[in-house]
Each structure stands twice: as structure tokens, then as C-alpha cells.
């Protein structure tokens, strides 16, 4: 077998169609996860090694059975029944392990997708917050500038009105003084 559990060139393949399909699905999920999450590849590789060992056991059992059948044709029926029941239980066990591994890989993939979505949402939230704070600062600056302008205009108008009132008062006083004389 090669590094991801596939068969080497020239190596005999002794899996059923369903097992091959499950195994291919497992390898595909494995490769996706290793690409998505390289820091967890060691944990994923350990899981893969456990599955490879079980698969090697099945293949050894099948090869052993083939040799026994060829060399011992007299007791083929009893040996075959015993080996078949052992092989089918081993095969069922392997199928179960592969299904569990595929499910585990799928869960890991969903967790990664959830994590990625969470990171994206946090980034979007931070961006929205920054934009809102910038807009608030801009509005505050504009409001303060408008308030300062209105205050300056009001003070100028007040100073003008005061000057006009003082001038009118001075004129009225001057007229009153002139009328007395």
C-alpha cells in the first residue's frame, strides 16, 4: 500500500465494490482535510495508520485463506466456512472502521468550515464596527463644525445688534441733549 492507503502498482486488490467506494471516499476526505488543516495532519495520519493496519490484516487473512484452499482441498468446506465467517466479520469490522473514519473526517471538515465561517463573521463584524465608528466620528466632527459656525454667526449677530443698539442709544442721548438746549 502507498502512503494514503491505496494499492501500489502490481499489488492485488481484494476489496469488494462497496469497500473500494468507502475507501475511496475516506481517502478523498483525508486529502481534503490535510489540505484544509495541515496542523492536524499528524492526528489524521495516525487514524489512517490504524485503518491501514486493519486493512492489511484483512488482506493477509484473504491471502492465507487462498493458500490454504490451494494446498488443502480435502477440508475446504469446513475451513472455508470458518475463514468466511472470520473474514466477513473482519470485513464488516473494517467497513465499520472506514465508515467511522469517514464520519470523523466529515465532522472535522464541518468543524473547520464552521471555524472559517466564524473567522469570516468576526472579520466582517470588525470591519462593520470600524466603518460605523468612522462614520460616527465624521458625523461628530461635522456637527461640531456646524455648531462652531452657528455659534460664531450668533456671536457676530449679537455683537452687531449690541453695536447698533449702543449707536442708537448714543444717538438718542445726543438728540435728547440737543433738544434740551
Protein backbone atom coordinates (compact mmCIF):
# COMPACT_ATOMS: atom_id res chain seq x y z
CA UNK A 1 0.00 0.00 0.00
CA UNK A 2 1.10 3.59 -0.56
CA UNK A 3 1.16 6.47 1.96
CA UNK A 4 -2.57 7.18 1.90
CA UNK A 5 -3.57 3.54 1.92
CA UNK A 6 -4.03 2.98 -1.82
CA UNK A 7 -2.61 -0.06 -3.56
CA UNK A 8 0.82 0.02 -5.13
CA UNK A 9 1.15 -0.83 -8.76
CA UNK A 10 1.06 -4.61 -9.22
CA UNK A 11 -0.40 -5.23 -5.74
CA UNK A 12 -3.51 -7.40 -5.78
CA UNK A 13 -6.74 -5.70 -4.82
CA UNK A 14 -9.08 -7.85 -2.72
CA UNK A 15 -11.85 -5.46 -1.71
CA UNK A 16 -15.50 -5.52 -2.69
CA UNK A 17 -17.01 -2.67 -4.69
CA UNK A 18 -18.64 -1.22 -1.58
CA UNK A 19 -15.35 -1.39 0.33
CA UNK A 20 -13.49 0.26 -2.52
CA UNK A 21 -16.10 3.02 -2.66
CA UNK A 22 -15.89 3.57 1.11
CA UNK A 23 -12.13 3.55 1.00
CA UNK A 24 -12.00 6.00 -1.92
CA UNK A 25 -14.38 8.27 -0.03
CA UNK A 26 -12.16 8.00 3.04
CA UNK A 27 -9.01 8.88 1.08
CA UNK A 28 -10.77 11.81 -0.60
CA UNK A 29 -11.91 13.21 2.78
CA UNK A 30 -8.42 12.62 4.18
CA UNK A 31 -6.77 14.59 1.40
CA UNK A 32 -9.28 17.44 1.74
CA UNK A 33 -8.65 17.67 5.48
CA UNK A 34 -4.89 17.56 5.17
CA UNK A 35 -5.07 20.42 2.68
CA UNK A 36 -7.51 22.41 4.82
CA UNK A 37 -5.87 21.75 8.17
CA UNK A 38 -2.20 20.79 7.82
CA UNK A 39 -1.53 21.26 11.54
CA UNK A 40 -3.84 18.29 12.33
CA UNK A 41 -2.39 16.05 9.63
CA UNK A 42 -0.40 14.06 12.21
CA UNK A 43 -3.60 13.12 14.07
CA UNK A 44 -5.30 12.29 10.77
CA UNK A 45 -2.30 10.18 9.70
CA UNK A 46 -2.45 8.21 12.97
CA UNK A 47 -6.12 7.41 12.29
CA UNK A 48 -5.20 6.40 8.76
CA UNK A 49 -2.42 4.09 10.01
CA UNK A 50 -4.89 2.28 12.30
CA UNK A 51 -7.20 1.74 9.33
CA UNK A 52 -4.31 0.60 7.14
CA UNK A 53 -3.25 -1.98 9.73
CA UNK A 54 -6.79 -3.37 9.84
CA UNK A 55 -6.89 -3.44 6.06
CA UNK A 56 -3.53 -5.26 5.93
CA UNK A 57 -4.94 -7.85 8.35
CA UNK A 58 -7.89 -8.44 6.03
CA UNK A 59 -5.61 -8.81 3.02
CA UNK A 60 -3.29 -11.20 4.90
CA UNK A 61 -6.29 -13.25 6.00
CA UNK A 62 -7.54 -13.45 2.41
CA UNK A 63 -4.11 -14.46 1.08
CA UNK A 64 -3.71 -17.05 3.82
CA UNK A 65 -7.13 -18.47 3.02
CA UNK A 66 -6.26 -18.68 -0.68
CA UNK A 67 -3.04 -20.60 0.11
CA UNK A 68 -4.84 -22.96 2.47
CA UNK A 69 -7.54 -23.64 -0.08
CA UNK A 70 -4.99 -24.44 -2.75
CA UNK A 71 -2.92 -26.74 -0.52
CA UNK A 72 -5.68 -28.39 1.46
CA UNK A 73 -8.55 -29.28 -0.89
CA UNK A 74 -9.86 -32.04 1.40
CA UNK A 75 -11.04 -29.82 4.20
CA UNK A 76 -12.10 -26.94 2.03
CA UNK A 77 -15.69 -26.75 3.26
CA UNK A 78 -15.03 -26.50 6.99
CA UNK A 79 -12.01 -24.26 6.53
CA UNK A 80 -13.91 -22.08 4.10
CA UNK A 81 -16.88 -21.70 6.43
CA UNK A 82 -14.65 -20.78 9.36
CA UNK A 83 -12.50 -18.42 7.31
CA UNK A 84 -15.51 -16.89 5.57
CA UNK A 85 -17.20 -16.10 8.85
CA UNK A 86 -13.94 -14.65 10.23
CA UNK A 87 -13.24 -12.74 7.03
CA UNK A 88 -16.78 -11.39 6.77
CA UNK A 89 -16.69 -10.26 10.40
CA UNK A 90 -13.24 -8.74 9.82
CA UNK A 91 -14.50 -7.17 6.63
CA UNK A 92 -17.59 -5.85 8.43
CA UNK A 93 -15.32 -4.51 11.13
CA UNK A 94 -13.14 -2.83 8.50
CA UNK A 95 -16.19 -1.38 6.76
CA UNK A 96 -17.41 -0.05 10.11
CA UNK A 97 -13.98 1.46 10.83
CA UNK A 98 -13.85 3.05 7.40
CA UNK A 99 -17.37 4.47 7.84
CA UNK A 100 -16.42 5.80 11.27
CA UNK A 101 -13.23 7.33 9.87
CA UNK A 102 -15.18 8.95 7.00
CA UNK A 103 -17.72 10.27 9.51
CA UNK A 104 -14.91 11.58 11.73
CA UNK A 105 -13.26 13.28 8.76
CA UNK A 106 -16.61 14.78 7.75
CA UNK A 107 -17.08 16.11 11.30
CA UNK A 108 -13.58 17.59 11.24
CA UNK A 109 -14.34 19.19 7.88
CA UNK A 110 -17.60 20.70 9.22
CA UNK A 111 -15.75 22.00 12.28
CA UNK A 112 -13.19 23.62 10.00
CA UNK A 113 -15.91 25.15 7.83
CA UNK A 114 -17.67 26.41 10.98
CA UNK A 115 -14.36 27.84 12.24
CA UNK A 116 -13.72 29.52 8.87
CA UNK A 117 -17.26 30.94 8.84
CA UNK A 118 -16.79 32.19 12.40
CA UNK A 119 -13.50 33.87 11.48
CA UNK A 120 -15.12 35.47 8.42
CA UNK A 121 -18.07 36.68 10.52
CA UNK A 122 -15.72 38.16 13.13
CA UNK A 123 -13.74 39.92 10.39
CA UNK A 124 -16.95 41.30 8.85
CA UNK A 125 -18.14 42.43 12.28
CA UNK A 126 -14.82 44.17 12.96
CA UNK A 127 -15.00 45.85 9.54
CA UNK A 128 -18.61 46.99 10.14
CA UNK A 129 -17.65 48.28 13.60
CA UNK A 130 -14.69 50.23 12.19
CA UNK A 131 -16.89 51.71 9.44
CA UNK A 132 -19.59 52.66 11.97
CA UNK A 133 -17.01 54.27 14.27
CA UNK A 134 -15.51 56.19 11.33
CA UNK A 135 -18.96 57.39 10.22
CA UNK A 136 -19.78 58.39 13.81
CA UNK A 137 -16.50 60.32 14.13
CA UNK A 138 -17.18 62.05 10.79
CA UNK A 139 -20.76 62.96 11.83
CA UNK A 140 -19.48 64.22 15.20
CA UNK A 141 -16.82 66.38 13.52
CA UNK A 142 -19.38 67.78 11.07
CA UNK A 143 -21.83 68.51 13.91
CA UNK A 144 -19.11 70.23 15.97
CA UNK A 145 -18.06 72.30 12.93
CA UNK A 146 -21.68 73.30 12.24
CA UNK A 147 -22.17 74.15 15.92
CA UNK A 148 -18.99 76.27 15.94
CA UNK A 149 -20.13 78.05 12.76
CA UNK A 150 -23.62 78.70 14.20
CA UNK A 151 -22.06 79.94 17.46
CA UNK A 152 -19.71 82.29 15.57
CA UNK A 153 -22.60 83.60 13.46
CA UNK A 154 -24.77 84.08 16.55
CA UNK A 155 -21.95 85.89 18.40
CA UNK A 156 -21.34 88.10 15.34
CA UNK A 157 -25.06 88.89 15.06
CA UNK A 158 -25.20 89.59 18.81
CA UNK A 159 -22.16 91.89 18.58
CA UNK A 160 -23.71 93.68 15.58
CA UNK A 161 -27.07 94.07 17.37
CA UNK A 162 -25.26 95.32 20.50
CA UNK A 163 -23.25 97.82 18.45
CA UNK A 164 -26.41 99.01 16.68
CA UNK A 165 -28.25 99.30 19.98
CA UNK A 166 -25.36 101.26 21.56
CA UNK A 167 -25.19 103.51 18.48
CA UNK A 168 -28.95 104.09 18.61
CA UNK A 169 -28.73 104.81 22.35
CA UNK A 170 -25.87 107.25 21.79
CA UNK A 171 -27.86 108.94 19.01
CA UNK A 172 -30.95 109.13 21.20
CA UNK A 173 -28.87 110.65 24.04
CA UNK A 174 -27.32 113.15 21.65
CA UNK A 175 -30.74 114.12 20.30
CA UNK A 176 -32.11 114.43 23.81
CA UNK A 177 -29.19 116.69 24.80
CA UNK A 178 -29.71 118.80 21.68
CA UNK A 179 -33.42 119.18 22.35
CA UNK A 180 -32.76 120.43 25.87
CA UNK A 181 -30.56 123.19 24.68
